[in-house]
C-alpha atoms as a PDB file:
ATOM      1  CA  MET A   1       9.738  23.061  13.625  1.00  0.00           C
ATOM      2  CA  ASP A   2       6.878  25.067  15.077  1.00  0.00           C
ATOM      3  CA  SER A   3       5.196  27.793  13.015  1.00  0.00           C
ATOM      4  CA  VAL A   4       6.515  30.702  15.102  1.00  0.00           C
ATOM      5  CA  THR A   5      10.091  29.561  14.492  1.00  0.00           C
ATOM      6  CA  GLN A   6       9.522  29.173  10.763  1.00  0.00           C
ATOM      7  CA  ILE A   7       7.923  32.625  10.529  1.00  0.00           C
ATOM      8  CA  VAL A   8      10.737  34.421  12.346  1.00  0.00           C
ATOM      9  CA  LEU A   9      13.410  32.446  10.457  1.00  0.00           C
ATOM     10  CA  GLY A  10      11.831  33.503   7.163  1.00  0.00           C
ATOM     11  CA  GLY A  11      11.427  37.058   8.415  1.00  0.00           C
ATOM     12  CA  ALA A  12      15.038  37.263   9.599  1.00  0.00           C
ATOM     13  CA  ILE A  13      16.393  35.900   6.316  1.00  0.00           C
ATOM     14  CA  GLY A  14      14.111  38.161   4.285  1.00  0.00           C
ATOM     15  CA  ALA A  15      15.272  41.164   6.306  1.00  0.00           C
ATOM     16  CA  ALA A  16      18.937  40.205   5.960  1.00  0.00           C
ATOM     17  CA  ILE A  17      18.549  40.189   2.182  1.00  0.00           C
ATOM     18  CA  GLY A  18      16.096  42.989   1.480  1.00  0.00           C
ATOM     19  CA  HIS A  19      15.350  45.176   4.521  1.00  0.00           C
ATOM     20  CA  LYS A  20      17.562  48.022   3.319  1.00  0.00           C
ATOM     21  CA  GLN A  21      15.623  48.135   0.034  1.00  0.00           C
ATOM     22  CA  LEU A  22      12.106  47.084   1.097  1.00  0.00           C
ATOM     23  CA  GLY A  23      11.920  47.934   4.797  1.00  0.00           C
ATOM     24  CA  ARG A  24       9.259  46.052   6.770  1.00  0.00           C
ATOM     25  CA  SER A  25       7.975  44.433   3.571  1.00  0.00           C
ATOM     26  CA  ALA A  26      11.070  42.219   3.542  1.00  0.00           C
ATOM     27  CA  ILE A  27      10.157  40.863   6.988  1.00  0.00           C
ATOM     28  CA  VAL A  28       6.539  40.259   5.963  1.00  0.00           C
ATOM     29  CA  ILE A  29       7.476  38.554   2.675  1.00  0.00           C
ATOM     30  CA  GLY A  30      10.079  36.415   4.431  1.00  0.00           C
ATOM     31  CA  GLY A  31       7.666  35.437   7.187  1.00  0.00           C
ATOM     32  CA  VAL A  32       4.907  34.484   4.748  1.00  0.00           C
ATOM     33  CA  LEU A  33       7.187  32.452   2.472  1.00  0.00           C
ATOM     34  CA  GLY A  34       8.895  30.953   5.510  1.00  0.00           C
ATOM     35  CA  THR A  35       5.677  29.407   6.786  1.00  0.00           C
ATOM     36  CA  LEU A  36       4.072  28.660   3.400  1.00  0.00           C
ATOM     37  CA  PRO A  37       5.271  25.010   3.103  1.00  0.00           C
ATOM     38  CA  ASP A  38       3.395  24.070   6.291  1.00  0.00           C
ATOM     39  CA  LEU A  39       0.055  24.984   4.748  1.00  0.00           C
ATOM     40  CA  ASP A  40      -0.033  21.428   3.379  1.00  0.00           C
ATOM     41  CA  VAL A  41      -1.679  20.487   6.692  1.00  0.00           C
ATOM     42  CA  PHE A  42      -4.909  21.962   5.309  1.00  0.00           C
ATOM     43  CA  ILE A  43      -4.923  19.565   2.336  1.00  0.00           C
ATOM     44  CA  PRO A  44      -7.357  16.692   3.041  1.00  0.00           C
ATOM     45  CA  ALA A  45      -5.719  13.283   3.452  1.00  0.00           C
ATOM     46  CA  ALA A  46      -7.198   9.828   2.978  1.00  0.00           C
ATOM     47  CA  ASP A  47      -6.707   8.853   6.625  1.00  0.00           C
ATOM     48  CA  ALA A  48      -4.670   9.599   9.738  1.00  0.00           C
ATOM     49  CA  VAL A  49      -1.595   7.688   8.568  1.00  0.00           C
ATOM     50  CA  ALA A  50      -1.665   9.382   5.152  1.00  0.00           C
ATOM     51  CA  SER A  51      -1.889  12.763   6.887  1.00  0.00           C
ATOM     52  CA  PHE A  52       1.126  11.795   9.007  1.00  0.00           C
ATOM     53  CA  THR A  53       3.322  10.495   6.189  1.00  0.00           C
ATOM     54  CA  GLU A  54       2.307  12.972   3.479  1.00  0.00           C
ATOM     55  CA  HIS A  55       3.043  16.040   5.615  1.00  0.00           C
ATOM     56  CA  ARG A  56       6.431  17.504   4.683  1.00  0.00           C
ATOM     57  CA  SER A  57       6.333  15.803   1.284  1.00  0.00           C
ATOM     58  CA  PHE A  58       5.755  17.797  -1.926  1.00  0.00           C
ATOM     59  CA  SER A  59       5.437  21.137  -0.107  1.00  0.00           C
ATOM     60  CA  HIS A  60       8.836  20.587   1.534  1.00  0.00           C
ATOM     61  CA  SER A  61      10.642  19.225  -1.514  1.00  0.00           C
ATOM     62  CA  LEU A  62      13.614  21.233  -2.753  1.00  0.00           C
ATOM     63  CA  LEU A  63      12.737  19.998  -6.238  1.00  0.00           C
ATOM     64  CA  VAL A  64       9.400  21.808  -5.900  1.00  0.00           C
ATOM     65  CA  LEU A  65      10.427  24.875  -3.902  1.00  0.00           C
ATOM     66  CA  PHE A  66      13.272  25.947  -6.190  1.00  0.00           C
ATOM     67  CA  PRO A  67      10.938  26.301  -9.229  1.00  0.00           C
ATOM     68  CA  PHE A  68       8.237  27.811  -6.999  1.00  0.00           C
ATOM     69  CA  ALA A  69      10.720  30.503  -5.956  1.00  0.00           C
ATOM     70  CA  PHE A  70      10.689  31.745  -9.574  1.00  0.00           C
ATOM     71  CA  VAL A  71       6.892  31.983  -9.411  1.00  0.00           C
ATOM     72  CA  CYS A  72       7.081  34.054  -6.224  1.00  0.00           C
ATOM     73  CA  PHE A  73       9.837  36.205  -7.709  1.00  0.00           C
ATOM     74  CA  THR A  74       7.733  36.937 -10.798  1.00  0.00           C
ATOM     75  CA  ALA A  75       4.712  37.861  -8.707  1.00  0.00           C
ATOM     76  CA  LEU A  76       6.724  40.166  -6.440  1.00  0.00           C
ATOM     77  CA  LYS A  77       8.487  41.740  -9.403  1.00  0.00           C
ATOM     78  CA  LEU A  78       5.105  42.897 -10.648  1.00  0.00           C
ATOM     79  CA  LYS A  79       4.502  44.545  -7.272  1.00  0.00           C
ATOM     80  CA  PHE A  80       7.920  46.208  -7.037  1.00  0.00           C
ATOM     81  CA  LYS A  81       8.027  47.573 -10.578  1.00  0.00           C
ATOM     82  CA  THR A  82      10.681  50.175  -9.779  1.00  0.00           C
ATOM     83  CA  ASP A  83      14.383  49.497  -9.353  1.00  0.00           C
ATOM     84  CA  VAL A  84      14.099  49.638  -5.576  1.00  0.00           C
ATOM     85  CA  ILE A  85      15.527  46.097  -5.356  1.00  0.00           C
ATOM     86  CA  SER A  86      17.594  44.153  -7.888  1.00  0.00           C
ATOM     87  CA  ASN A  87      16.273  41.022  -9.571  1.00  0.00           C
ATOM     88  CA  GLN A  88      19.027  38.905  -8.035  1.00  0.00           C
ATOM     89  CA  ARG A  89      18.359  40.122  -4.501  1.00  0.00           C
ATOM     90  CA  LEU A  90      14.593  39.692  -4.865  1.00  0.00           C
ATOM     91  CA  PHE A  91      14.987  36.168  -6.230  1.00  0.00           C
ATOM     92  CA  TRP A  92      17.281  35.082  -3.389  1.00  0.00           C
ATOM     93  CA  LEU A  93      14.863  36.619  -0.910  1.00  0.00           C
ATOM     94  CA  CYS A  94      12.149  34.332  -2.303  1.00  0.00           C
ATOM     95  CA  CYS A  95      14.361  31.280  -2.717  1.00  0.00           C
ATOM     96  CA  LEU A  96      16.179  31.237   0.624  1.00  0.00           C
ATOM     97  CA  THR A  97      13.115  31.977   2.747  1.00  0.00           C
ATOM     98  CA  LEU A  98      11.347  29.034   1.090  1.00  0.00           C
ATOM     99  CA  VAL A  99      14.098  26.403   1.115  1.00  0.00           C
ATOM    100  CA  THR A 100      15.369  27.110   4.636  1.00  0.00           C
ATOM    101  CA  HIS A 101      11.980  25.942   5.961  1.00  0.00           C
ATOM    102  CA  PRO A 102      12.365  22.271   4.933  1.00  0.00           C
ATOM    103  CA  LEU A 103      16.104  22.352   5.624  1.00  0.00           C
ATOM    104  CA  LEU A 104      15.407  23.368   9.224  1.00  0.00           C
ATOM    105  CA  ASP A 105      12.619  20.772   9.487  1.00  0.00           C
ATOM    106  CA  ALA A 106      15.114  18.113   8.400  1.00  0.00           C
ATOM    107  CA  PHE A 107      17.037  18.714  11.647  1.00  0.00           C
ATOM    108  CA  THR A 108      14.034  17.472  13.678  1.00  0.00           C
ATOM    109  CA  SER A 109      12.872  13.902  14.320  1.00  0.00           C
ATOM    110  CA  TYR A 110       9.700  13.934  12.216  1.00  0.00           C
ATOM    111  CA  GLY A 111      11.151  13.304   8.749  1.00  0.00           C
ATOM    112  CA  THR A 112      11.191  15.650   5.745  1.00  0.00           C
ATOM    113  CA  GLN A 113      10.952  14.473   2.136  1.00  0.00           C
ATOM    114  CA  LEU A 114      13.498  16.926   0.753  1.00  0.00           C
ATOM    115  CA  PHE A 115      13.708  15.203  -2.621  1.00  0.00           C
ATOM    116  CA  TRP A 116      10.070  14.216  -3.219  1.00  0.00           C
ATOM    117  CA  PRO A 117       8.968  12.555  -5.525  1.00  0.00           C
ATOM    118  CA  LEU A 118      12.254  10.624  -5.683  1.00  0.00           C
ATOM    119  CA  ALA A 119      12.377   7.398  -3.706  1.00  0.00           C
ATOM    120  CA  GLY A 120      14.115   7.166  -0.357  1.00  0.00           C
ATOM    121  CA  HIS A 121      13.375   7.595   3.329  1.00  0.00           C
ATOM    122  CA  PRO A 122      12.533  11.076   4.661  1.00  0.00           C
ATOM    123  CA  VAL A 123      15.523  13.052   5.920  1.00  0.00           C
ATOM    124  CA  SER A 124      15.646  13.183   9.713  1.00  0.00           C
ATOM    125  CA  ILE A 125      18.896  14.472  11.195  1.00  0.00           C
ATOM    126  CA  ALA A 126      17.088  14.700  14.555  1.00  0.00           C
ATOM    127  CA  SER A 127      19.546  16.999  16.310  1.00  0.00           C
ATOM    128  CA  ILE A 128      17.007  19.537  17.592  1.00  0.00           C
ATOM    129  CA  PHE A 129      13.616  19.324  19.314  1.00  0.00           C
ATOM    130  CA  VAL A 130      10.578  20.492  17.321  1.00  0.00           C
ATOM    131  CA  ILE A 131      10.160  23.437  19.720  1.00  0.00           C
ATOM    132  CA  ASP A 132      13.366  25.000  21.031  1.00  0.00           C
ATOM    133  CA  PRO A 133      13.197  28.564  22.421  1.00  0.00           C
ATOM    134  CA  LEU A 134      16.997  28.853  22.472  1.00  0.00           C
ATOM    135  CA  TYR A 135      16.968  28.560  18.680  1.00  0.00           C
ATOM    136  CA  THR A 136      13.925  30.783  18.154  1.00  0.00           C
ATOM    137  CA  ILE A 137      14.537  33.708  20.525  1.00  0.00           C
ATOM    138  CA  PRO A 138      17.579  35.228  18.718  1.00  0.00           C
ATOM    139  CA  LEU A 139      15.587  35.266  15.469  1.00  0.00           C
ATOM    140  CA  LEU A 140      12.533  36.739  17.176  1.00  0.00           C
ATOM    141  CA  VAL A 141      14.576  39.500  18.806  1.00  0.00           C
ATOM    142  CA  GLY A 142      16.111  40.465  15.472  1.00  0.00           C
ATOM    143  CA  CYS A 143      12.743  40.625  13.711  1.00  0.00           C
ATOM    144  CA  VAL A 144      11.088  42.619  16.498  1.00  0.00           C
ATOM    145  CA  TYR A 145      13.997  45.050  16.672  1.00  0.00           C
ATOM    146  CA  LEU A 146      13.870  45.596  12.916  1.00  0.00           C
ATOM    147  CA  TRP A 147      10.108  46.056  12.935  1.00  0.00           C
ATOM    148  CA  ARG A 148      10.288  48.709  15.646  1.00  0.00           C
ATOM    149  CA  SER A 149      13.218  50.638  14.153  1.00  0.00           C
ATOM    150  CA  LYS A 150      12.269  53.985  12.572  1.00  0.00           C
ATOM    151  CA  GLU A 151      15.240  56.251  11.986  1.00  0.00           C
ATOM    152  CA  SER A 152      18.004  55.265   9.567  1.00  0.00           C
ATOM    153  CA  LYS A 153      20.543  55.005  12.395  1.00  0.00           C
ATOM    154  CA  ASP A 154      18.226  52.687  14.326  1.00  0.00           C
ATOM    155  CA  LYS A 155      17.658  50.597  11.211  1.00  0.00           C
ATOM    156  CA  ARG A 156      21.386  50.058  10.689  1.00  0.00           C
ATOM    157  CA  LYS A 157      21.730  48.924  14.293  1.00  0.00           C
ATOM    158  CA  ALA A 158      18.651  46.720  13.971  1.00  0.00           C
ATOM    159  CA  ARG A 159      20.031  45.051  10.851  1.00  0.00           C
ATOM    160  CA  ARG A 160      23.233  44.227  12.734  1.00  0.00           C
ATOM    161  CA  ILE A 161      21.174  42.726  15.567  1.00  0.00           C
ATOM    162  CA  ASN A 162      19.227  40.667  13.028  1.00  0.00           C
ATOM    163  CA  HIS A 163      22.476  39.390  11.507  1.00  0.00           C
ATOM    164  CA  ILE A 164      23.742  38.457  14.971  1.00  0.00           C
ATOM    165  CA  GLY A 165      20.463  36.622  15.671  1.00  0.00           C
ATOM    166  CA  LEU A 166      20.872  34.583  12.488  1.00  0.00           C
ATOM    167  CA  MET A 167      24.454  33.713  13.421  1.00  0.00           C
ATOM    168  CA  LEU A 168      23.480  32.717  16.965  1.00  0.00           C
ATOM    169  CA  SER A 169      20.624  30.477  15.827  1.00  0.00           C
ATOM    170  CA  SER A 170      22.795  28.889  13.124  1.00  0.00           C
ATOM    171  CA  GLY A 171      25.566  28.354  15.675  1.00  0.00           C
ATOM    172  CA  TYR A 172      23.058  26.716  18.030  1.00  0.00           C
ATOM    173  CA  LEU A 173      21.983  24.383  15.238  1.00  0.00           C
ATOM    174  CA  LEU A 174      25.604  23.459  14.580  1.00  0.00           C
ATOM    175  CA  LEU A 175      26.086  22.858  18.311  1.00  0.00           C
ATOM    176  CA  SER A 176      23.123  20.459  18.270  1.00  0.00           C
ATOM    177  CA  VAL A 177      24.800  18.385  15.543  1.00  0.00           C
ATOM    178  CA  LEU A 178      28.115  18.322  17.415  1.00  0.00           C
ATOM    179  CA  LEU A 179      26.406  17.254  20.659  1.00  0.00           C
ATOM    180  CA  GLN A 180      24.433  14.600  18.813  1.00  0.00           C
ATOM    181  CA  THR A 181      27.677  13.183  17.389  1.00  0.00           C
ATOM    182  CA  GLN A 182      29.144  13.001  20.891  1.00  0.00           C
ATOM    183  CA  MET A 183      26.013  11.318  22.234  1.00  0.00           C
ATOM    184  CA  GLN A 184      26.044   8.862  19.328  1.00  0.00           C
ATOM    185  CA  ASN A 185      29.635   7.860  20.081  1.00  0.00           C
ATOM    186  CA  LYS A 186      28.811   7.492  23.759  1.00  0.00           C
ATOM    187  CA  VAL A 187      25.798   5.271  23.037  1.00  0.00           C
ATOM    188  CA  GLU A 188      27.753   3.075  20.618  1.00  0.00           C
ATOM    189  CA  THR A 189      30.546   2.593  23.172  1.00  0.00           C
ATOM    190  CA  ALA A 190      28.058   1.608  25.903  1.00  0.00           C
ATOM    191  CA  LEU A 191      26.191  -0.776  23.593  1.00  0.00           C
ATOM    192  CA  GLN A 192      29.375  -2.484  22.469  1.00  0.00           C
ATOM    193  CA  ALA A 193      30.375  -2.957  26.099  1.00  0.00           C
ATOM    194  CA  SER A 194      26.984  -4.606  26.714  1.00  0.00           C
ATOM    195  CA  GLY A 195      27.214  -6.781  23.615  1.00  0.00           C
ATOM    196  CA  ILE A 196      24.318  -5.036  21.867  1.00  0.00           C
ATOM    197  CA  PRO A 197      24.588  -4.465  18.085  1.00  0.00           C
ATOM    198  CA  THR A 198      24.854  -0.826  16.999  1.00  0.00           C
ATOM    199  CA  ASP A 199      23.670  -1.189  13.404  1.00  0.00           C
ATOM    200  CA  LYS A 200      20.406   0.729  13.832  1.00  0.00           C
ATOM    201  CA  ILE A 201      20.304   3.709  16.211  1.00  0.00           C
ATOM    202  CA  PHE A 202      18.066   6.766  16.230  1.00  0.00           C
ATOM    203  CA  ILE A 203      19.137   9.537  18.610  1.00  0.00           C
ATOM    204  CA  SER A 204      17.442  12.884  19.261  1.00  0.00           C
ATOM    205  CA  PRO A 205      16.789  15.472  22.023  1.00  0.00           C
ATOM    206  CA  LEU A 206      13.982  14.631  24.444  1.00  0.00           C
ATOM    207  CA  TYR A 207      13.065  18.163  25.508  1.00  0.00           C
ATOM    208  CA  PRO A 208      13.301  21.716  24.118  1.00  0.00           C
ATOM    209  CA  SER A 209      16.982  21.897  25.044  1.00  0.00           C
ATOM    210  CA  LEU A 210      20.176  20.040  24.192  1.00  0.00           C
ATOM    211  CA  ASN A 211      20.762  18.578  27.664  1.00  0.00           C
ATOM    212  CA  TRP A 212      18.547  15.468  27.614  1.00  0.00           C
ATOM    213  CA  TRP A 213      18.848  13.006  24.719  1.00  0.00           C
ATOM    214  CA  GLY A 214      17.158   9.722  23.922  1.00  0.00           C
ATOM    215  CA  ALA A 215      18.211   6.893  21.639  1.00  0.00           C
ATOM    216  CA  ILE A 216      16.275   3.969  20.203  1.00  0.00           C
ATOM    217  CA  VAL A 217      18.350   0.898  19.317  1.00  0.00           C
ATOM    218  CA  VAL A 218      16.652  -1.734  17.125  1.00  0.00           C
ATOM    219  CA  ASP A 219      17.991  -5.285  16.854  1.00  0.00           C
ATOM    220  CA  ASP A 220      16.215  -8.307  15.380  1.00  0.00           C
ATOM    221  CA  GLY A 221      12.682  -7.779  16.648  1.00  0.00           C
ATOM    222  CA  VAL A 222      13.631  -6.058  19.907  1.00  0.00           C
ATOM    223  CA  TYR A 223      14.651  -2.543  20.904  1.00  0.00           C
ATOM    224  CA  TYR A 224      16.422  -0.720  23.715  1.00  0.00           C
ATOM    225  CA  ASP A 225      15.537   2.717  25.055  1.00  0.00           C
ATOM    226  CA  VAL A 226      18.589   4.795  26.021  1.00  0.00           C
ATOM    227  CA  LYS A 227      18.547   8.084  27.975  1.00  0.00           C
ATOM    228  CA  LEU A 228      21.511  10.456  28.184  1.00  0.00           C
ATOM    229  CA  ASN A 229      22.256  13.668  30.041  1.00  0.00           C
ATOM    230  CA  VAL A 230      24.946  16.019  28.757  1.00  0.00           C
ATOM    231  CA  LEU A 231      25.616  17.894  32.010  1.00  0.00           C
ATOM    232  CA  THR A 232      25.721  14.883  34.332  1.00  0.00           C
ATOM    233  CA  ASN A 233      27.347  12.655  31.694  1.00  0.00           C
ATOM    234  CA  SER A 234      24.900   9.890  32.637  1.00  0.00           C
ATOM    235  CA  LEU A 235      23.617   7.090  30.408  1.00  0.00           C
ATOM    236  CA  ASP A 236      20.833   4.594  31.104  1.00  0.00           C
ATOM    237  CA  ILE A 237      19.940   1.619  28.888  1.00  0.00           C
ATOM    238  CA  SER A 238      16.506   0.089  29.431  1.00  0.00           C
ATOM    239  CA  ALA A 239      15.870  -3.644  29.440  1.00  0.00           C
ATOM    240  CA  GLN A 240      15.219  -5.373  26.118  1.00  0.00           C
ATOM    241  CA  GLN A 241      11.704  -4.682  24.814  1.00  0.00           C
ATOM    242  CA  ASP A 242       9.715  -6.485  22.111  1.00  0.00           C
ATOM    243  CA  LEU A 243       8.890  -4.617  18.888  1.00  0.00           C
ATOM    244  CA  GLY A 244       5.748  -6.762  18.574  1.00  0.00           C
ATOM    245  CA  TYR A 245       6.285  -7.961  15.017  1.00  0.00           C
ATOM    246  CA  GLY A 246       4.570 -11.217  15.965  1.00  0.00           C
ATOM    247  CA  VAL A 247       1.361  -9.445  16.982  1.00  0.00           C
ATOM    248  CA  ILE A 248      -0.014  -9.406  13.431  1.00  0.00           C
ATOM    249  CA  ASP A 249       0.494 -11.975  10.694  1.00  0.00           C
ATOM    250  CA  VAL A 250      -0.697  -9.810   7.786  1.00  0.00           C
ATOM    251  CA  SER A 251       0.487  -6.461   6.508  1.00  0.00           C
ATOM    252  CA  THR A 252      -1.683  -3.446   5.787  1.00  0.00           C
ATOM    253  CA  PRO A 253      -0.924  -0.516   3.456  1.00  0.00           C
ATOM    254  CA  ALA A 254      -0.939   1.834   6.461  1.00  0.00           C
ATOM    255  CA  LEU A 255       1.571  -0.324   8.328  1.00  0.00           C
ATOM    256  CA  THR A 256       3.808  -0.513   5.258  1.00  0.00           C
ATOM    257  CA  SER A 257       3.648   3.264   4.939  1.00  0.00           C
ATOM    258  CA  LEU A 258       4.492   3.774   8.616  1.00  0.00           C
ATOM    259  CA  ASP A 259       7.368   1.314   8.448  1.00  0.00           C
ATOM    260  CA  TRP A 260       8.826   3.219   5.470  1.00  0.00           C
ATOM    261  CA  PHE A 261       8.298   6.658   6.992  1.00  0.00           C
ATOM    262  CA  THR A 262       9.872   5.751  10.344  1.00  0.00           C
ATOM    263  CA  ASN A 263      12.620   3.626   8.752  1.00  0.00           C
ATOM    264  CA  GLY A 264      11.554   0.666  10.883  1.00  0.00           C
ATOM    265  CA  PHE A 265      11.515   2.469  14.241  1.00  0.00           C
ATOM    266  CA  ILE A 266       7.988   1.325  14.996  1.00  0.00           C
ATOM    267  CA  ARG A 267       6.408  -0.855  17.706  1.00  0.00           C
ATOM    268  CA  LEU A 268       3.260  -2.962  17.345  1.00  0.00           C
ATOM    269  CA  GLU A 269       0.938  -3.792  20.258  1.00  0.00           C
ATOM    270  CA  ASP A 270      -2.362  -5.513  20.868  1.00  0.00           C
ATOM    271  CA  VAL A 271      -4.218  -2.936  22.961  1.00  0.00           C
ATOM    272  CA  GLU A 272      -7.696  -4.100  23.970  1.00  0.00           C
ATOM    273  CA  GLY A 273      -8.227  -5.900  20.683  1.00  0.00           C
ATOM    274  CA  ARG A 274      -6.757  -3.162  18.480  1.00  0.00           C
ATOM    275  CA  LEU A 275      -3.468  -3.256  16.634  1.00  0.00           C
ATOM    276  CA  VAL A 276      -1.602  -0.101  17.687  1.00  0.00           C
ATOM    277  CA  ALA A 277       1.513   1.106  15.877  1.00  0.00           C
ATOM    278  CA  THR A 278       3.775   3.565  17.735  1.00  0.00           C
ATOM    279  CA  ASP A 279       6.452   5.781  16.193  1.00  0.00           C
ATOM    280  CA  LEU A 280       9.383   5.181  18.563  1.00  0.00           C
ATOM    281  CA  ARG A 281      11.334   8.180  17.253  1.00  0.00           C
ATOM    282  CA  MET A 282       8.926  10.832  18.524  1.00  0.00           C
ATOM    283  CA  LYS A 283       9.150  10.597  22.300  1.00  0.00           C
ATOM    284  CA  THR A 284       8.771  13.688  24.474  1.00  0.00           C
ATOM    285  CA  GLY A 285      10.588  12.771  27.662  1.00  0.00           C
ATOM    286  CA  HIS A 286       8.278  11.275  30.314  1.00  0.00           C
ATOM    287  CA  ILE A 287       5.125  12.436  28.525  1.00  0.00           C
ATOM    288  CA  GLY A 288       5.158   9.549  26.066  1.00  0.00           C
ATOM    289  CA  TYR A 289       5.054   9.028  22.322  1.00  0.00           C
ATOM    290  CA  ALA A 290       3.581  11.678  20.052  1.00  0.00           C
ATOM    291  CA  PHE A 291       2.274   9.411  17.275  1.00  0.00           C
ATOM    292  CA  LYS A 292       0.271   6.216  17.859  1.00  0.00           C
ATOM    293  CA  PHE A 293      -2.183   4.739  15.355  1.00  0.00           C
ATOM    294  CA  ALA A 294      -4.831   2.022  15.539  1.00  0.00           C
ATOM    295  CA  LEU A 295      -4.597   0.037  12.280  1.00  0.00           C
ATOM    296  CA  ALA A 296      -6.723  -3.089  12.777  1.00  0.00           C
ATOM    297  CA  GLU A 297      -9.217  -4.739  15.101  1.00  0.00           C
ATOM    298  CA  LYS A 298      -9.367  -8.360  16.224  1.00  0.00           C
ATOM    299  CA  ASP A 299     -12.459 -10.462  15.582  1.00  0.00           C
ATOM    300  CA  THR A 300     -13.198 -14.183  15.569  1.00  0.00           C
ATOM    301  CA  GLU A 301     -11.395 -14.659  12.260  1.00  0.00           C
ATOM    302  CA  GLY A 302      -8.281 -12.712  13.252  1.00  0.00           C
ATOM    303  CA  TRP A 303      -7.193  -9.164  12.494  1.00  0.00           C
ATOM    304  CA  LYS A 304      -9.458  -6.976  10.395  1.00  0.00           C
ATOM    305  CA  GLU A 305      -8.042  -3.826   8.816  1.00  0.00           C
ATOM    306  CA  ILE A 306      -9.730  -0.551   9.783  1.00  0.00           C
ATOM    307  CA  SER A 307      -9.365   3.023   8.638  1.00  0.00           C
ATOM    308  CA  PRO A 308      -6.283   4.214  10.560  1.00  0.00           C
ATOM    309  CA  LEU A 309      -7.082   6.227  13.658  1.00  0.00           C
ATOM    310  CA  ARG A 310      -4.584   8.427  15.474  1.00  0.00           C
ATOM    311  CA  LEU A 311      -4.723   7.859  19.224  1.00  0.00           C
END
């Protein structure tokens, strides 16, 4: 999710574990560790597609972050040399603020490689939009309240508010999964009634709320775009659309990488002599698709591979 959310989630978790012992330092440590995995965006990538598919890889892997938590614990133990906080509490402060970052990211549509470098598609539960104020605000309120608290009585009250914020945000995340399950069942029922196979469906929120949902249904070279509304209980299935697999007769490494990363939810188009690949999973309502890449150009001899360009 967005950086503000990851910072306040880390800060809230850090405060829940160590605020009584470390005060504001627990919020700062949690916020820093909570956003640390996203610093991989500053690592140079070979091209636009590599930047897209390699984000949320090693830096978001639980197999990397668990050992890294010991490194952070050791470094912080040197800073807090007194017995102000126990080793166990300090370690869990480091560990949980780190690993909750990729776990939360896995609930979005993008795709998170939780078990890098092991093989397998990125994890994408896709039950929450990448920016959702209703998830973030309870965490933000808790962190701000804790930061502003001064007297011991205020701090106790602030810690309770922080705990409530964590419970509210976690409950909202659980609600997103429950709503997604309901929407999935509704889509499958409608597709079966229309005689459309339901083997490959990707469903996720369209906006920063849990009211509007969209589903992509892929079937043998074509796809259907489905829109749902929770409050009005409406469902709309678009006409059959071509995935464009016949546009290009050769594969490129970038296209192979995109196909793996999106688990096949990708459309190919010939746009003014350029082969454009679109990630069908990442649609933001009526605004359009978030990730489109030019992979090749057409000349007299056919398609010629180019360095991928994000459009």
